[in-house]
């Protein structure tokens, strides 16, 4: 589908009240780039384009003018079934991702079939100087390597990150809160030994305490590990 037709259809789904909400919650995106298309509508549009159209030209049209096009791009990538094509598309797109929403909503189905194929790329992405490439790498470790594929070497990769970027540190905290829910015995030492920076350490504890997947007894212990400001 022609890019102008895609933009025209996106504007036909515009919800100005939703656009205002996104402007407030996604501050790294210029307000003029936000059309205001709700996520369910974007997902439906992405599915239709993926099934009925050649999306190559749209995926190659980078950078996109609108945030909603970035969202559409992320959803189309997530539908790709061929893992090689999917990885290539992710690599091409990541440098242009400039917000947490687009980053976090990119969850390719193809990766679930063979997560091990991701590891060399995750190792590269996590060392990037781009905020949302690093965030995506941590997100992929959280999504695919916290269950039967878990290994402390992956937690080490995340714990070794140091950044001044809020959106990286928040994802690190989210990773360890999820890790404590799924791999408590293996991951509690990262908190006990203060292996994260202070802000991220405390945020990981906060998110753990808010989780319904962690027992009250463990929550009480985690609260005792919070680093108090002097």
C-alpha atoms as a PDB file:
ATOM      1  CA  UNK A   1       0.000   0.000   0.000  1.00  0.00           C
ATOM      2  CA  UNK A   2       1.235   3.493  -0.859  1.00  0.00           C
ATOM      3  CA  UNK A   3       2.550   5.461   2.141  1.00  0.00           C
ATOM      4  CA  UNK A   4       0.097   8.304   1.454  1.00  0.00           C
ATOM      5  CA  UNK A   5      -2.806   5.867   1.571  1.00  0.00           C
ATOM      6  CA  UNK A   6      -1.517   4.452   4.850  1.00  0.00           C
ATOM      7  CA  UNK A   7      -1.269   7.913   6.376  1.00  0.00           C
ATOM      8  CA  UNK A   8      -4.740   8.799   5.090  1.00  0.00           C
ATOM      9  CA  UNK A   9      -6.218   5.677   6.660  1.00  0.00           C
ATOM     10  CA  UNK A  10      -4.441   6.341   9.959  1.00  0.00           C
ATOM     11  CA  UNK A  11      -5.975   9.813  10.087  1.00  0.00           C
ATOM     12  CA  UNK A  12      -9.394   8.286   9.443  1.00  0.00           C
ATOM     13  CA  UNK A  13      -8.997   6.439  12.761  1.00  0.00           C
ATOM     14  CA  UNK A  14      -7.834   9.523  14.667  1.00  0.00           C
ATOM     15  CA  UNK A  15      -9.070   9.972  18.228  1.00  0.00           C
ATOM     16  CA  UNK A  16      -7.994  13.413  19.460  1.00  0.00           C
ATOM     17  CA  UNK A  17      -8.649  12.653  23.125  1.00  0.00           C
ATOM     18  CA  UNK A  18      -6.429   9.573  22.845  1.00  0.00           C
ATOM     19  CA  UNK A  19      -3.780  11.668  21.100  1.00  0.00           C
ATOM     20  CA  UNK A  20      -3.701  14.004  24.111  1.00  0.00           C
ATOM     21  CA  UNK A  21      -3.245  11.034  26.426  1.00  0.00           C
ATOM     22  CA  UNK A  22      -0.336   9.766  24.334  1.00  0.00           C
ATOM     23  CA  UNK A  23       1.275  13.205  24.288  1.00  0.00           C
ATOM     24  CA  UNK A  24       1.317  13.121  28.092  1.00  0.00           C
ATOM     25  CA  UNK A  25       2.497   9.532  28.481  1.00  0.00           C
ATOM     26  CA  UNK A  26       5.084   9.404  25.682  1.00  0.00           C
ATOM     27  CA  UNK A  27       7.075  12.606  26.253  1.00  0.00           C
ATOM     28  CA  UNK A  28      10.012  11.665  24.018  1.00  0.00           C
ATOM     29  CA  UNK A  29       7.807  11.953  20.911  1.00  0.00           C
ATOM     30  CA  UNK A  30       7.028  15.381  19.473  1.00  0.00           C
ATOM     31  CA  UNK A  31       3.304  16.080  19.831  1.00  0.00           C
ATOM     32  CA  UNK A  32       3.023  16.959  16.139  1.00  0.00           C
ATOM     33  CA  UNK A  33       3.933  13.361  15.247  1.00  0.00           C
ATOM     34  CA  UNK A  34       1.062  11.795  17.181  1.00  0.00           C
ATOM     35  CA  UNK A  35      -2.126  11.146  15.208  1.00  0.00           C
ATOM     36  CA  UNK A  36      -3.966   9.376  18.016  1.00  0.00           C
ATOM     37  CA  UNK A  37      -4.913   5.931  16.700  1.00  0.00           C
ATOM     38  CA  UNK A  38      -5.880   3.465  19.403  1.00  0.00           C
ATOM     39  CA  UNK A  39      -3.815   0.296  19.724  1.00  0.00           C
ATOM     40  CA  UNK A  40      -6.565  -2.234  18.832  1.00  0.00           C
ATOM     41  CA  UNK A  41      -7.225  -0.357  15.582  1.00  0.00           C
ATOM     42  CA  UNK A  42      -3.512  -0.282  14.768  1.00  0.00           C
ATOM     43  CA  UNK A  43      -3.264  -4.036  15.364  1.00  0.00           C
ATOM     44  CA  UNK A  44      -6.201  -4.694  13.035  1.00  0.00           C
ATOM     45  CA  UNK A  45      -4.698  -2.426  10.365  1.00  0.00           C
ATOM     46  CA  UNK A  46      -1.326  -4.167  10.697  1.00  0.00           C
ATOM     47  CA  UNK A  47      -2.939  -7.608  10.293  1.00  0.00           C
ATOM     48  CA  UNK A  48      -4.795  -6.498   7.189  1.00  0.00           C
ATOM     49  CA  UNK A  49      -1.694  -4.972   5.622  1.00  0.00           C
ATOM     50  CA  UNK A  50       0.374  -8.045   6.437  1.00  0.00           C
ATOM     51  CA  UNK A  51      -2.179 -10.385   4.857  1.00  0.00           C
ATOM     52  CA  UNK A  52      -3.311  -8.328   1.886  1.00  0.00           C
ATOM     53  CA  UNK A  53      -0.469  -6.014   0.904  1.00  0.00           C
ATOM     54  CA  UNK A  54       3.227  -5.912   0.130  1.00  0.00           C
ATOM     55  CA  UNK A  55       4.554  -4.199   3.241  1.00  0.00           C
ATOM     56  CA  UNK A  56       8.192  -4.050   2.093  1.00  0.00           C
ATOM     57  CA  UNK A  57       7.987  -0.498   0.769  1.00  0.00           C
ATOM     58  CA  UNK A  58       6.345   0.731   3.982  1.00  0.00           C
ATOM     59  CA  UNK A  59       8.917  -1.024   6.187  1.00  0.00           C
ATOM     60  CA  UNK A  60      11.690   0.519   4.116  1.00  0.00           C
ATOM     61  CA  UNK A  61      10.198   4.020   4.414  1.00  0.00           C
ATOM     62  CA  UNK A  62      12.345   5.097   7.362  1.00  0.00           C
ATOM     63  CA  UNK A  63      12.192   7.262   9.310  1.00  0.00           C
ATOM     64  CA  UNK A  64       8.420   7.502   9.412  1.00  0.00           C
ATOM     65  CA  UNK A  65       6.765  10.887   9.708  1.00  0.00           C
ATOM     66  CA  UNK A  66       4.257   9.854  12.377  1.00  0.00           C
ATOM     67  CA  UNK A  67       4.484   7.988  15.679  1.00  0.00           C
ATOM     68  CA  UNK A  68       1.426   5.955  14.660  1.00  0.00           C
ATOM     69  CA  UNK A  69       3.342   4.739  11.601  1.00  0.00           C
ATOM     70  CA  UNK A  70       6.109   3.587  13.937  1.00  0.00           C
ATOM     71  CA  UNK A  71       3.505   1.697  15.954  1.00  0.00           C
ATOM     72  CA  UNK A  72       2.082   0.156  12.796  1.00  0.00           C
ATOM     73  CA  UNK A  73       5.609  -0.799  11.744  1.00  0.00           C
ATOM     74  CA  UNK A  74       6.223  -2.533  15.092  1.00  0.00           C
ATOM     75  CA  UNK A  75       2.983  -4.511  14.814  1.00  0.00           C
ATOM     76  CA  UNK A  76       3.736  -5.607  11.234  1.00  0.00           C
ATOM     77  CA  UNK A  77       7.200  -6.797  12.278  1.00  0.00           C
ATOM     78  CA  UNK A  78       5.635  -8.701  15.166  1.00  0.00           C
ATOM     79  CA  UNK A  79       3.457 -10.633  12.691  1.00  0.00           C
ATOM     80  CA  UNK A  80       6.375 -11.813  10.542  1.00  0.00           C
ATOM     81  CA  UNK A  81       6.722 -15.619  10.628  1.00  0.00           C
ATOM     82  CA  UNK A  82      10.134 -15.971   8.994  1.00  0.00           C
ATOM     83  CA  UNK A  83      12.751 -15.446  11.694  1.00  0.00           C
ATOM     84  CA  UNK A  84      15.494 -14.318   9.303  1.00  0.00           C
ATOM     85  CA  UNK A  85      13.273 -11.690   7.703  1.00  0.00           C
ATOM     86  CA  UNK A  86      12.037 -10.687  11.153  1.00  0.00           C
ATOM     87  CA  UNK A  87      15.525 -10.180  12.590  1.00  0.00           C
ATOM     88  CA  UNK A  88      16.541  -8.160   9.522  1.00  0.00           C
ATOM     89  CA  UNK A  89      13.461  -5.966   9.890  1.00  0.00           C
ATOM     90  CA  UNK A  90      14.064  -5.447  13.611  1.00  0.00           C
ATOM     91  CA  UNK A  91      17.690  -4.499  13.020  1.00  0.00           C
ATOM     92  CA  UNK A  92      16.676  -1.988  10.352  1.00  0.00           C
ATOM     93  CA  UNK A  93      13.978  -0.462  12.543  1.00  0.00           C
ATOM     94  CA  UNK A  94      15.623  -0.278  15.981  1.00  0.00           C
ATOM     95  CA  UNK A  95      17.793   2.784  15.219  1.00  0.00           C
ATOM     96  CA  UNK A  96      14.607   4.759  14.534  1.00  0.00           C
ATOM     97  CA  UNK A  97      12.677   3.701  17.641  1.00  0.00           C
ATOM     98  CA  UNK A  98      12.451   6.778  19.866  1.00  0.00           C
ATOM     99  CA  UNK A  99       9.967   5.876  22.583  1.00  0.00           C
ATOM    100  CA  UNK A 100       9.061   3.193  25.110  1.00  0.00           C
ATOM    101  CA  UNK A 101       5.670   2.356  23.568  1.00  0.00           C
ATOM    102  CA  UNK A 102       6.963   1.366  20.136  1.00  0.00           C
ATOM    103  CA  UNK A 103       9.883  -0.463  21.744  1.00  0.00           C
ATOM    104  CA  UNK A 104       7.752  -2.488  24.134  1.00  0.00           C
ATOM    105  CA  UNK A 105       4.976  -3.330  21.685  1.00  0.00           C
ATOM    106  CA  UNK A 106       7.390  -4.966  19.257  1.00  0.00           C
ATOM    107  CA  UNK A 107       7.100  -8.634  20.216  1.00  0.00           C
ATOM    108  CA  UNK A 108       7.802 -10.761  17.125  1.00  0.00           C
ATOM    109  CA  UNK A 109       6.006 -14.097  16.955  1.00  0.00           C
ATOM    110  CA  UNK A 110       8.911 -15.586  15.022  1.00  0.00           C
ATOM    111  CA  UNK A 111      11.231 -15.144  18.014  1.00  0.00           C
ATOM    112  CA  UNK A 112       9.126 -17.485  20.137  1.00  0.00           C
ATOM    113  CA  UNK A 113       9.940 -20.400  17.826  1.00  0.00           C
ATOM    114  CA  UNK A 114      13.714 -20.143  18.150  1.00  0.00           C
ATOM    115  CA  UNK A 115      14.815 -17.682  20.859  1.00  0.00           C
ATOM    116  CA  UNK A 116      18.374 -19.030  20.825  1.00  0.00           C
ATOM    117  CA  UNK A 117      18.838 -17.407  17.424  1.00  0.00           C
ATOM    118  CA  UNK A 118      18.407 -14.052  19.132  1.00  0.00           C
ATOM    119  CA  UNK A 119      21.316 -14.318  21.530  1.00  0.00           C
ATOM    120  CA  UNK A 120      24.077 -12.918  19.258  1.00  0.00           C
ATOM    121  CA  UNK A 121      21.810 -10.012  18.374  1.00  0.00           C
ATOM    122  CA  UNK A 122      20.804  -9.384  21.985  1.00  0.00           C
ATOM    123  CA  UNK A 123      24.482  -9.279  22.885  1.00  0.00           C
ATOM    124  CA  UNK A 124      24.978  -6.590  20.228  1.00  0.00           C
ATOM    125  CA  UNK A 125      21.812  -4.639  21.018  1.00  0.00           C
ATOM    126  CA  UNK A 126      22.486  -4.481  24.751  1.00  0.00           C
ATOM    127  CA  UNK A 127      25.824  -2.769  24.055  1.00  0.00           C
ATOM    128  CA  UNK A 128      24.261  -0.144  21.778  1.00  0.00           C
ATOM    129  CA  UNK A 129      24.487   3.587  22.471  1.00  0.00           C
ATOM    130  CA  UNK A 130      20.806   3.944  21.535  1.00  0.00           C
ATOM    131  CA  UNK A 131      18.395   3.955  24.475  1.00  0.00           C
ATOM    132  CA  UNK A 132      15.588   1.948  22.939  1.00  0.00           C
ATOM    133  CA  UNK A 133      17.859  -0.615  21.324  1.00  0.00           C
ATOM    134  CA  UNK A 134      19.214  -1.410  24.791  1.00  0.00           C
ATOM    135  CA  UNK A 135      15.704  -1.406  26.240  1.00  0.00           C
ATOM    136  CA  UNK A 136      14.559  -3.812  23.516  1.00  0.00           C
ATOM    137  CA  UNK A 137      17.473  -6.165  24.256  1.00  0.00           C
ATOM    138  CA  UNK A 138      16.575  -6.304  27.944  1.00  0.00           C
ATOM    139  CA  UNK A 139      12.935  -6.803  27.000  1.00  0.00           C
ATOM    140  CA  UNK A 140      13.848  -9.785  24.827  1.00  0.00           C
ATOM    141  CA  UNK A 141      15.855 -11.353  27.668  1.00  0.00           C
ATOM    142  CA  UNK A 142      12.861 -10.844  29.932  1.00  0.00           C
ATOM    143  CA  UNK A 143      10.382 -12.263  27.430  1.00  0.00           C
ATOM    144  CA  UNK A 144      12.335 -15.294  26.223  1.00  0.00           C
ATOM    145  CA  UNK A 145      14.986 -16.140  28.816  1.00  0.00           C
ATOM    146  CA  UNK A 146      13.356 -16.046  32.245  1.00  0.00           C
ATOM    147  CA  UNK A 147      11.644 -19.418  32.149  1.00  0.00           C
ATOM    148  CA  UNK A 148      13.119 -22.759  31.059  1.00  0.00           C
ATOM    149  CA  UNK A 149      15.953 -21.010  29.194  1.00  0.00           C
ATOM    150  CA  UNK A 150      16.999 -18.933  32.197  1.00  0.00           C
ATOM    151  CA  UNK A 151      20.671 -18.706  33.057  1.00  0.00           C
ATOM    152  CA  UNK A 152      22.314 -16.283  35.468  1.00  0.00           C
ATOM    153  CA  UNK A 153      24.614 -15.171  32.640  1.00  0.00           C
ATOM    154  CA  UNK A 154      21.614 -13.349  31.163  1.00  0.00           C
ATOM    155  CA  UNK A 155      20.836 -11.682  34.486  1.00  0.00           C
ATOM    156  CA  UNK A 156      24.524 -10.713  34.641  1.00  0.00           C
ATOM    157  CA  UNK A 157      24.185  -8.973  31.281  1.00  0.00           C
ATOM    158  CA  UNK A 158      21.318  -6.865  32.582  1.00  0.00           C
ATOM    159  CA  UNK A 159      22.867  -6.195  35.993  1.00  0.00           C
ATOM    160  CA  UNK A 160      26.055  -5.033  34.294  1.00  0.00           C
ATOM    161  CA  UNK A 161      24.286  -2.179  32.519  1.00  0.00           C
ATOM    162  CA  UNK A 162      24.885   1.344  33.789  1.00  0.00           C
ATOM    163  CA  UNK A 163      22.990   4.215  32.251  1.00  0.00           C
ATOM    164  CA  UNK A 164      21.666   7.683  32.984  1.00  0.00           C
ATOM    165  CA  UNK A 165      18.653   6.952  30.771  1.00  0.00           C
ATOM    166  CA  UNK A 166      15.373   6.612  32.655  1.00  0.00           C
ATOM    167  CA  UNK A 167      13.848   4.279  30.067  1.00  0.00           C
ATOM    168  CA  UNK A 168      16.788   1.873  30.256  1.00  0.00           C
ATOM    169  CA  UNK A 169      16.858   1.833  34.047  1.00  0.00           C
ATOM    170  CA  UNK A 170      13.122   1.328  34.250  1.00  0.00           C
ATOM    171  CA  UNK A 171      13.407  -1.712  31.983  1.00  0.00           C
ATOM    172  CA  UNK A 172      16.252  -3.114  34.107  1.00  0.00           C
ATOM    173  CA  UNK A 173      14.026  -2.727  37.168  1.00  0.00           C
ATOM    174  CA  UNK A 174      11.151  -4.388  35.341  1.00  0.00           C
ATOM    175  CA  UNK A 175      13.460  -7.254  34.311  1.00  0.00           C
ATOM    176  CA  UNK A 176      14.578  -7.935  37.880  1.00  0.00           C
ATOM    177  CA  UNK A 177      11.063  -7.624  39.296  1.00  0.00           C
ATOM    178  CA  UNK A 178       9.965 -10.256  36.782  1.00  0.00           C
ATOM    179  CA  UNK A 179      13.067 -12.342  37.486  1.00  0.00           C
ATOM    180  CA  UNK A 180      12.294 -12.293  41.204  1.00  0.00           C
ATOM    181  CA  UNK A 181       8.808 -13.576  40.419  1.00  0.00           C
ATOM    182  CA  UNK A 182      10.068 -16.359  38.175  1.00  0.00           C
ATOM    183  CA  UNK A 183      13.587 -17.177  39.407  1.00  0.00           C
ATOM    184  CA  UNK A 184      13.628 -15.897  42.967  1.00  0.00           C
ATOM    185  CA  UNK A 185      16.417 -18.052  44.427  1.00  0.00           C
ATOM    186  CA  UNK A 186      18.764 -17.325  41.532  1.00  0.00           C
ATOM    187  CA  UNK A 187      18.026 -13.606  41.383  1.00  0.00           C
ATOM    188  CA  UNK A 188      17.621 -12.455  44.990  1.00  0.00           C
ATOM    189  CA  UNK A 189      21.446 -12.227  45.346  1.00  0.00           C
ATOM    190  CA  UNK A 190      21.441  -9.407  42.776  1.00  0.00           C
ATOM    191  CA  UNK A 191      19.354  -7.394  45.236  1.00  0.00           C
ATOM    192  CA  UNK A 192      21.058  -8.601  48.414  1.00  0.00           C
ATOM    193  CA  UNK A 193      24.493  -7.774  46.995  1.00  0.00           C
ATOM    194  CA  UNK A 194      23.393  -4.365  45.599  1.00  0.00           C
ATOM    195  CA  UNK A 195      24.454  -5.248  42.070  1.00  0.00           C
ATOM    196  CA  UNK A 196      22.233  -2.566  40.553  1.00  0.00           C
ATOM    197  CA  UNK A 197      22.560   1.197  40.910  1.00  0.00           C
ATOM    198  CA  UNK A 198      20.560   2.613  43.824  1.00  0.00           C
ATOM    199  CA  UNK A 199      17.614   4.018  41.855  1.00  0.00           C
ATOM    200  CA  UNK A 200      17.170   0.841  39.802  1.00  0.00           C
ATOM    201  CA  UNK A 201      17.638  -1.359  42.885  1.00  0.00           C
ATOM    202  CA  UNK A 202      14.849   0.450  44.729  1.00  0.00           C
ATOM    203  CA  UNK A 203      12.602   0.542  41.674  1.00  0.00           C
ATOM    204  CA  UNK A 204      13.014  -3.220  41.173  1.00  0.00           C
ATOM    205  CA  UNK A 205      11.980  -3.747  44.790  1.00  0.00           C
ATOM    206  CA  UNK A 206       8.990  -1.420  44.365  1.00  0.00           C
ATOM    207  CA  UNK A 207       7.794  -3.255  41.258  1.00  0.00           C
ATOM    208  CA  UNK A 208       8.305  -6.616  42.998  1.00  0.00           C
ATOM    209  CA  UNK A 209       6.272  -5.510  45.989  1.00  0.00           C
ATOM    210  CA  UNK A 210       3.490  -4.442  43.609  1.00  0.00           C
ATOM    211  CA  UNK A 211       3.487  -7.852  41.900  1.00  0.00           C
ATOM    212  CA  UNK A 212       0.809 -10.424  42.683  1.00  0.00           C
ATOM    213  CA  UNK A 213       3.274 -13.177  41.705  1.00  0.00           C
ATOM    214  CA  UNK A 214       5.516 -12.677  44.746  1.00  0.00           C
ATOM    215  CA  UNK A 215       4.527 -13.940  48.190  1.00  0.00           C
ATOM    216  CA  UNK A 216       3.853 -11.569  51.078  1.00  0.00           C
ATOM    217  CA  UNK A 217       6.764 -13.079  52.981  1.00  0.00           C
ATOM    218  CA  UNK A 218       9.166 -12.353  50.147  1.00  0.00           C
ATOM    219  CA  UNK A 219       7.736  -8.869  49.688  1.00  0.00           C
ATOM    220  CA  UNK A 220       8.423  -8.125  53.354  1.00  0.00           C
ATOM    221  CA  UNK A 221      12.021  -9.289  52.956  1.00  0.00           C
ATOM    222  CA  UNK A 222      12.483  -7.266  49.769  1.00  0.00           C
ATOM    223  CA  UNK A 223      11.247  -4.136  51.523  1.00  0.00           C
ATOM    224  CA  UNK A 224      13.991  -4.644  54.122  1.00  0.00           C
ATOM    225  CA  UNK A 225      16.575  -4.546  51.317  1.00  0.00           C
ATOM    226  CA  UNK A 226      15.587  -1.100  50.082  1.00  0.00           C
ATOM    227  CA  UNK A 227      18.492   1.349  50.113  1.00  0.00           C
ATOM    228  CA  UNK A 228      17.572   4.312  52.279  1.00  0.00           C
ATOM    229  CA  UNK A 229      18.749   7.779  51.338  1.00  0.00           C
ATOM    230  CA  UNK A 230      21.145   9.273  53.855  1.00  0.00           C
END
